[in-house]
């Protein structure tokens, strides 16, 4: 009986663990340390948070996809505008990050919320 219980728990862990670790979309919060605009790389615009993005994203930087490769054309520019407002006002943000979409190892943000 004890062996069957342990096997069942091990199997449940193996089935549930990959789905939680490998989530493609997740949230990160913080202030914006830097904003980068580049005409050739990184999806053309990025923001840097004070904390590591994690979850298979390589650094503190996240692309806003101003290029329009993954998001609808213009969505990256709108995300950039919100980021500029938040940085200018010194507000914290929450960023929804998709680690299945990347520019040179940097994950793409699909949503930005300005926090109170």
N, C-alpha and C. Protein backbone atom coordinates (compact mmCIF):
# COMPACT_ATOMS: atom_id res chain seq x y z
N UNK A 1 0.83 -1.20 0.00
CA UNK A 1 0.00 0.00 0.00
C UNK A 1 0.87 1.26 0.00
N UNK A 2 1.91 1.25 0.84
CA UNK A 2 2.77 2.42 0.95
C UNK A 2 3.52 2.64 -0.37
N UNK A 3 3.96 1.55 -1.02
CA UNK A 3 4.67 1.67 -2.29
C UNK A 3 3.77 2.27 -3.37
N UNK A 4 2.51 1.86 -3.40
CA UNK A 4 1.57 2.39 -4.40
C UNK A 4 1.32 3.88 -4.19
N UNK A 5 1.23 4.29 -2.94
CA UNK A 5 1.02 5.70 -2.63
C UNK A 5 2.22 6.53 -3.07
N UNK A 6 3.41 6.05 -2.79
CA UNK A 6 4.63 6.76 -3.19
C UNK A 6 4.73 6.83 -4.71
N UNK A 7 4.41 5.74 -5.39
CA UNK A 7 4.43 5.74 -6.86
C UNK A 7 3.42 6.73 -7.43
N UNK A 8 2.24 6.78 -6.84
CA UNK A 8 1.20 7.70 -7.32
C UNK A 8 1.63 9.15 -7.12
N UNK A 9 2.23 9.46 -5.97
CA UNK A 9 2.71 10.82 -5.72
C UNK A 9 3.85 11.19 -6.65
N UNK A 10 4.76 10.26 -6.90
CA UNK A 10 5.86 10.51 -7.82
C UNK A 10 5.34 10.76 -9.23
N UNK A 11 4.39 9.98 -9.66
CA UNK A 11 3.81 10.15 -10.99
C UNK A 11 3.08 11.49 -11.11
N UNK A 12 2.33 11.85 -10.09
CA UNK A 12 1.62 13.13 -10.10
C UNK A 12 2.61 14.29 -10.16
N UNK A 13 3.71 14.19 -9.43
CA UNK A 13 4.74 15.22 -9.44
C UNK A 13 5.36 15.34 -10.83
N UNK A 14 5.68 14.21 -11.44
CA UNK A 14 6.28 14.23 -12.77
C UNK A 14 5.34 14.81 -13.82
N UNK A 15 4.05 14.60 -13.65
CA UNK A 15 3.09 15.13 -14.62
C UNK A 15 2.82 16.62 -14.42
N UNK A 16 2.78 17.07 -13.18
CA UNK A 16 2.45 18.45 -12.88
C UNK A 16 3.64 19.39 -12.94
N UNK A 17 4.81 18.94 -12.56
CA UNK A 17 5.98 19.79 -12.48
C UNK A 17 6.36 20.41 -13.82
N UNK A 18 6.47 19.65 -14.91
CA UNK A 18 6.85 20.29 -16.17
C UNK A 18 5.86 21.36 -16.63
N UNK A 19 4.59 21.17 -16.39
CA UNK A 19 3.62 22.16 -16.85
C UNK A 19 3.74 23.46 -16.08
N UNK A 20 4.15 23.41 -14.81
CA UNK A 20 4.30 24.65 -14.06
C UNK A 20 5.64 25.31 -14.34
N UNK A 21 6.69 24.51 -14.52
CA UNK A 21 8.00 25.07 -14.80
C UNK A 21 8.06 25.64 -16.21
N UNK A 22 7.40 25.01 -17.14
CA UNK A 22 7.51 25.39 -18.53
C UNK A 22 6.38 26.31 -18.99
N UNK A 23 5.80 27.05 -18.08
CA UNK A 23 4.76 28.00 -18.46
C UNK A 23 5.36 29.01 -19.43
N UNK A 24 4.66 29.28 -20.52
CA UNK A 24 5.21 30.21 -21.50
C UNK A 24 4.92 31.66 -21.14
N UNK A 25 3.85 31.92 -20.44
CA UNK A 25 3.54 33.30 -20.03
C UNK A 25 3.53 33.40 -18.52
N UNK A 26 4.17 34.44 -18.02
CA UNK A 26 4.24 34.67 -16.58
C UNK A 26 4.42 36.17 -16.35
N UNK A 27 4.33 36.59 -15.10
CA UNK A 27 4.38 38.01 -14.75
C UNK A 27 5.65 38.33 -13.97
N UNK A 28 6.19 39.53 -14.21
CA UNK A 28 7.29 40.10 -13.44
C UNK A 28 6.92 41.53 -13.11
N UNK A 29 7.29 41.99 -11.93
CA UNK A 29 6.97 43.35 -11.52
C UNK A 29 8.24 44.08 -11.08
N UNK A 30 8.20 45.40 -11.19
CA UNK A 30 9.32 46.23 -10.76
C UNK A 30 9.22 47.59 -11.41
N UNK A 31 10.26 48.37 -11.21
CA UNK A 31 10.35 49.66 -11.87
C UNK A 31 11.14 49.47 -13.16
N UNK A 32 11.12 50.44 -14.00
CA UNK A 32 11.89 50.37 -15.25
C UNK A 32 13.21 51.09 -15.03
N UNK A 33 14.31 50.34 -15.13
CA UNK A 33 15.64 50.92 -14.97
C UNK A 33 16.10 51.63 -16.22
N UNK A 34 15.85 51.02 -17.37
CA UNK A 34 16.32 51.60 -18.64
C UNK A 34 15.35 51.25 -19.75
N UNK A 35 15.35 52.10 -20.78
CA UNK A 35 14.60 51.84 -22.00
C UNK A 35 15.59 51.92 -23.15
N UNK A 36 15.52 50.95 -24.05
CA UNK A 36 16.46 50.86 -25.16
C UNK A 36 15.68 50.89 -26.47
N UNK A 37 16.13 51.70 -27.40
CA UNK A 37 15.58 51.72 -28.76
C UNK A 37 16.73 51.38 -29.70
N UNK A 38 16.55 50.38 -30.54
CA UNK A 38 17.59 49.95 -31.48
C UNK A 38 16.93 49.70 -32.83
N UNK A 39 17.51 50.21 -33.88
CA UNK A 39 16.87 50.09 -35.19
C UNK A 39 17.05 48.73 -35.85
N UNK A 40 17.96 47.89 -35.31
CA UNK A 40 18.25 46.61 -35.95
C UNK A 40 18.04 45.39 -35.08
N UNK A 41 18.14 45.51 -33.77
CA UNK A 41 18.16 44.34 -32.89
C UNK A 41 17.10 44.41 -31.81
N UNK A 42 16.91 43.29 -31.13
CA UNK A 42 16.07 43.17 -29.92
C UNK A 42 14.59 43.45 -30.15
N UNK A 43 14.13 43.39 -31.38
CA UNK A 43 12.75 43.73 -31.67
C UNK A 43 12.53 45.22 -31.71
N UNK A 44 13.61 45.98 -31.78
CA UNK A 44 13.68 47.44 -31.90
C UNK A 44 13.48 48.22 -30.61
N UNK A 45 12.91 47.61 -29.55
CA UNK A 45 12.80 48.34 -28.28
C UNK A 45 12.73 47.35 -27.12
N UNK A 46 13.32 47.74 -26.00
CA UNK A 46 13.37 46.88 -24.82
C UNK A 46 13.28 47.73 -23.55
N UNK A 47 12.90 47.06 -22.46
CA UNK A 47 12.97 47.68 -21.14
C UNK A 47 13.80 46.78 -20.23
N UNK A 48 14.42 47.41 -19.23
CA UNK A 48 15.22 46.67 -18.26
C UNK A 48 14.58 46.83 -16.88
N UNK A 49 14.32 45.70 -16.25
CA UNK A 49 13.78 45.69 -14.89
C UNK A 49 14.93 45.48 -13.90
N UNK A 50 14.73 45.84 -12.63
CA UNK A 50 15.79 45.67 -11.64
C UNK A 50 15.98 44.21 -11.19
N UNK A 51 15.10 43.33 -11.64
CA UNK A 51 15.18 41.91 -11.25
C UNK A 51 15.34 41.05 -12.50
N UNK A 52 15.94 39.90 -12.34
CA UNK A 52 16.09 38.98 -13.46
C UNK A 52 14.71 38.48 -13.89
N UNK A 53 14.50 38.37 -15.18
CA UNK A 53 13.21 37.93 -15.71
C UNK A 53 12.99 36.46 -15.36
N UNK A 54 14.03 35.64 -15.52
CA UNK A 54 13.94 34.22 -15.16
C UNK A 54 13.08 33.41 -16.12
N UNK A 55 12.78 32.19 -15.74
CA UNK A 55 11.92 31.29 -16.52
C UNK A 55 12.41 31.14 -17.97
N UNK A 56 13.69 30.89 -18.13
CA UNK A 56 14.41 30.71 -19.40
C UNK A 56 14.64 32.02 -20.17
N UNK A 57 14.41 33.15 -19.55
CA UNK A 57 14.77 34.44 -20.14
C UNK A 57 16.15 34.81 -19.58
N UNK A 58 17.03 35.34 -20.42
CA UNK A 58 18.44 35.40 -20.09
C UNK A 58 18.89 36.55 -19.19
N UNK A 59 18.11 37.58 -18.99
CA UNK A 59 18.61 38.72 -18.22
C UNK A 59 17.47 39.54 -17.63
N UNK A 60 17.76 40.78 -17.32
CA UNK A 60 16.76 41.73 -16.80
C UNK A 60 16.00 42.43 -17.93
N UNK A 61 16.45 42.26 -19.15
CA UNK A 61 15.87 42.93 -20.30
C UNK A 61 14.73 42.12 -20.89
N UNK A 62 13.69 42.81 -21.35
CA UNK A 62 12.58 42.17 -22.05
C UNK A 62 12.23 43.03 -23.27
N UNK A 63 12.03 42.39 -24.41
CA UNK A 63 11.70 43.10 -25.64
C UNK A 63 10.22 43.47 -25.65
N UNK A 64 9.92 44.64 -26.22
CA UNK A 64 8.53 45.06 -26.39
C UNK A 64 8.05 44.81 -27.82
N UNK A 65 8.90 44.25 -28.66
CA UNK A 65 8.57 43.89 -30.04
C UNK A 65 8.00 45.07 -30.83
N UNK A 66 8.72 46.18 -30.84
CA UNK A 66 8.31 47.31 -31.66
C UNK A 66 8.42 46.99 -33.15
N UNK A 67 9.14 45.93 -33.47
CA UNK A 67 9.28 45.47 -34.85
C UNK A 67 7.99 44.86 -35.39
N UNK A 68 7.18 44.28 -34.51
CA UNK A 68 5.93 43.65 -34.93
C UNK A 68 6.10 42.23 -35.42
N UNK A 69 7.14 41.53 -34.98
CA UNK A 69 7.35 40.15 -35.41
C UNK A 69 6.38 39.19 -34.72
N UNK A 70 6.14 39.37 -33.42
CA UNK A 70 5.27 38.49 -32.66
C UNK A 70 3.93 39.13 -32.31
N UNK A 71 3.92 40.42 -32.11
CA UNK A 71 2.70 41.15 -31.74
C UNK A 71 2.13 41.84 -32.98
N UNK A 72 0.88 42.25 -32.89
CA UNK A 72 0.28 43.02 -33.99
C UNK A 72 1.06 44.32 -34.18
N UNK A 73 1.14 44.77 -35.40
CA UNK A 73 1.85 46.00 -35.72
C UNK A 73 1.30 47.14 -34.87
N UNK A 74 2.16 47.86 -34.21
CA UNK A 74 1.76 48.99 -33.36
C UNK A 74 1.62 48.64 -31.89
N UNK A 75 1.41 47.36 -31.57
CA UNK A 75 1.27 46.99 -30.15
C UNK A 75 2.55 47.24 -29.37
N UNK A 76 3.70 46.94 -29.99
CA UNK A 76 4.98 47.19 -29.32
C UNK A 76 5.18 48.67 -29.03
N UNK A 77 4.77 49.52 -29.98
CA UNK A 77 4.88 50.96 -29.77
C UNK A 77 3.99 51.42 -28.61
N UNK A 78 2.81 50.83 -28.49
CA UNK A 78 1.93 51.18 -27.38
C UNK A 78 2.53 50.71 -26.05
N UNK A 79 3.12 49.52 -26.05
CA UNK A 79 3.80 49.05 -24.83
C UNK A 79 4.95 49.98 -24.47
N UNK A 80 5.69 50.43 -25.47
CA UNK A 80 6.79 51.37 -25.24
C UNK A 80 6.27 52.68 -24.65
N UNK A 81 5.15 53.18 -25.15
CA UNK A 81 4.57 54.42 -24.61
C UNK A 81 4.19 54.26 -23.14
N UNK A 82 3.59 53.13 -22.79
CA UNK A 82 3.24 52.88 -21.39
C UNK A 82 4.50 52.80 -20.54
N UNK A 83 5.54 52.14 -21.07
CA UNK A 83 6.81 52.03 -20.34
C UNK A 83 7.43 53.40 -20.10
N UNK A 84 7.38 54.26 -21.12
CA UNK A 84 7.92 55.62 -20.98
C UNK A 84 7.15 56.42 -19.92
N UNK A 85 5.84 56.29 -19.92
CA UNK A 85 5.02 56.97 -18.91
C UNK A 85 5.37 56.47 -17.52
N UNK A 86 5.44 55.15 -17.36
CA UNK A 86 5.75 54.57 -16.05
C UNK A 86 7.12 55.01 -15.56
N UNK A 87 8.12 55.00 -16.44
CA UNK A 87 9.45 55.41 -16.03
C UNK A 87 9.48 56.89 -15.67
N UNK A 88 8.83 57.70 -16.45
CA UNK A 88 8.80 59.15 -16.21
C UNK A 88 8.12 59.49 -14.88
N UNK A 89 7.08 58.71 -14.53
CA UNK A 89 6.34 58.96 -13.29
C UNK A 89 6.93 58.20 -12.10
N UNK A 90 7.92 57.35 -12.34
CA UNK A 90 8.52 56.57 -11.26
C UNK A 90 7.59 55.49 -10.72
N UNK A 91 6.70 55.00 -11.56
CA UNK A 91 5.72 53.98 -11.14
C UNK A 91 6.26 52.57 -11.35
N UNK A 92 5.77 51.65 -10.53
CA UNK A 92 6.05 50.24 -10.72
C UNK A 92 5.14 49.70 -11.81
N UNK A 93 5.63 48.68 -12.48
CA UNK A 93 4.84 48.02 -13.52
C UNK A 93 4.80 46.52 -13.28
N UNK A 94 3.83 45.88 -13.88
CA UNK A 94 3.79 44.43 -14.01
C UNK A 94 3.85 44.13 -15.50
N UNK A 95 4.73 43.22 -15.87
CA UNK A 95 4.93 42.87 -17.27
C UNK A 95 4.58 41.40 -17.46
N UNK A 96 3.72 41.14 -18.43
CA UNK A 96 3.42 39.75 -18.81
C UNK A 96 4.44 39.36 -19.87
N UNK A 97 5.23 38.33 -19.56
CA UNK A 97 6.34 37.92 -20.41
C UNK A 97 6.01 36.57 -21.05
N UNK A 98 6.34 36.44 -22.33
CA UNK A 98 6.15 35.18 -23.04
C UNK A 98 7.53 34.64 -23.41
N UNK A 99 7.95 33.55 -22.75
CA UNK A 99 9.29 33.03 -23.02
C UNK A 99 9.35 32.13 -24.25
N UNK A 100 8.24 31.97 -24.96
CA UNK A 100 8.28 31.22 -26.22
C UNK A 100 8.57 32.15 -27.40
N UNK A 101 8.53 33.45 -27.15
CA UNK A 101 8.82 34.45 -28.17
C UNK A 101 10.09 35.18 -27.74
N UNK A 102 11.13 35.13 -28.58
CA UNK A 102 12.41 35.73 -28.19
C UNK A 102 13.08 36.44 -29.35
N UNK A 103 13.85 37.44 -29.00
CA UNK A 103 14.77 38.13 -29.90
C UNK A 103 16.16 37.94 -29.33
N UNK A 104 16.96 37.08 -29.96
CA UNK A 104 18.33 36.86 -29.51
C UNK A 104 18.44 36.44 -28.05
N UNK A 105 17.50 35.64 -27.58
CA UNK A 105 17.53 35.17 -26.20
C UNK A 105 16.74 36.04 -25.23
N UNK A 106 16.29 37.20 -25.67
CA UNK A 106 15.51 38.10 -24.81
C UNK A 106 14.03 37.85 -25.04
N UNK A 107 13.31 37.60 -23.98
CA UNK A 107 11.88 37.29 -24.08
C UNK A 107 11.07 38.53 -24.44
N UNK A 108 9.84 38.30 -24.88
CA UNK A 108 8.97 39.37 -25.35
C UNK A 108 7.85 39.62 -24.33
N UNK A 109 7.58 40.89 -24.07
CA UNK A 109 6.46 41.28 -23.22
C UNK A 109 5.20 41.35 -24.08
N UNK A 110 4.10 40.88 -23.53
CA UNK A 110 2.83 40.95 -24.26
C UNK A 110 1.83 41.88 -23.58
N UNK A 111 2.18 42.36 -22.39
CA UNK A 111 1.28 43.27 -21.67
C UNK A 111 2.08 44.01 -20.60
N UNK A 112 1.73 45.27 -20.37
CA UNK A 112 2.33 46.06 -19.29
C UNK A 112 1.19 46.74 -18.53
N UNK A 113 1.19 46.58 -17.22
CA UNK A 113 0.25 47.28 -16.34
C UNK A 113 1.04 48.27 -15.49
N UNK A 114 0.56 49.50 -15.38
CA UNK A 114 1.15 50.46 -14.46
C UNK A 114 0.45 50.28 -13.12
N UNK A 115 1.23 50.12 -12.06
CA UNK A 115 0.68 49.92 -10.72
C UNK A 115 0.59 51.25 -9.99
N UNK A 116 -0.29 51.30 -9.01
CA UNK A 116 -0.46 52.52 -8.21
C UNK A 116 0.76 52.89 -7.45
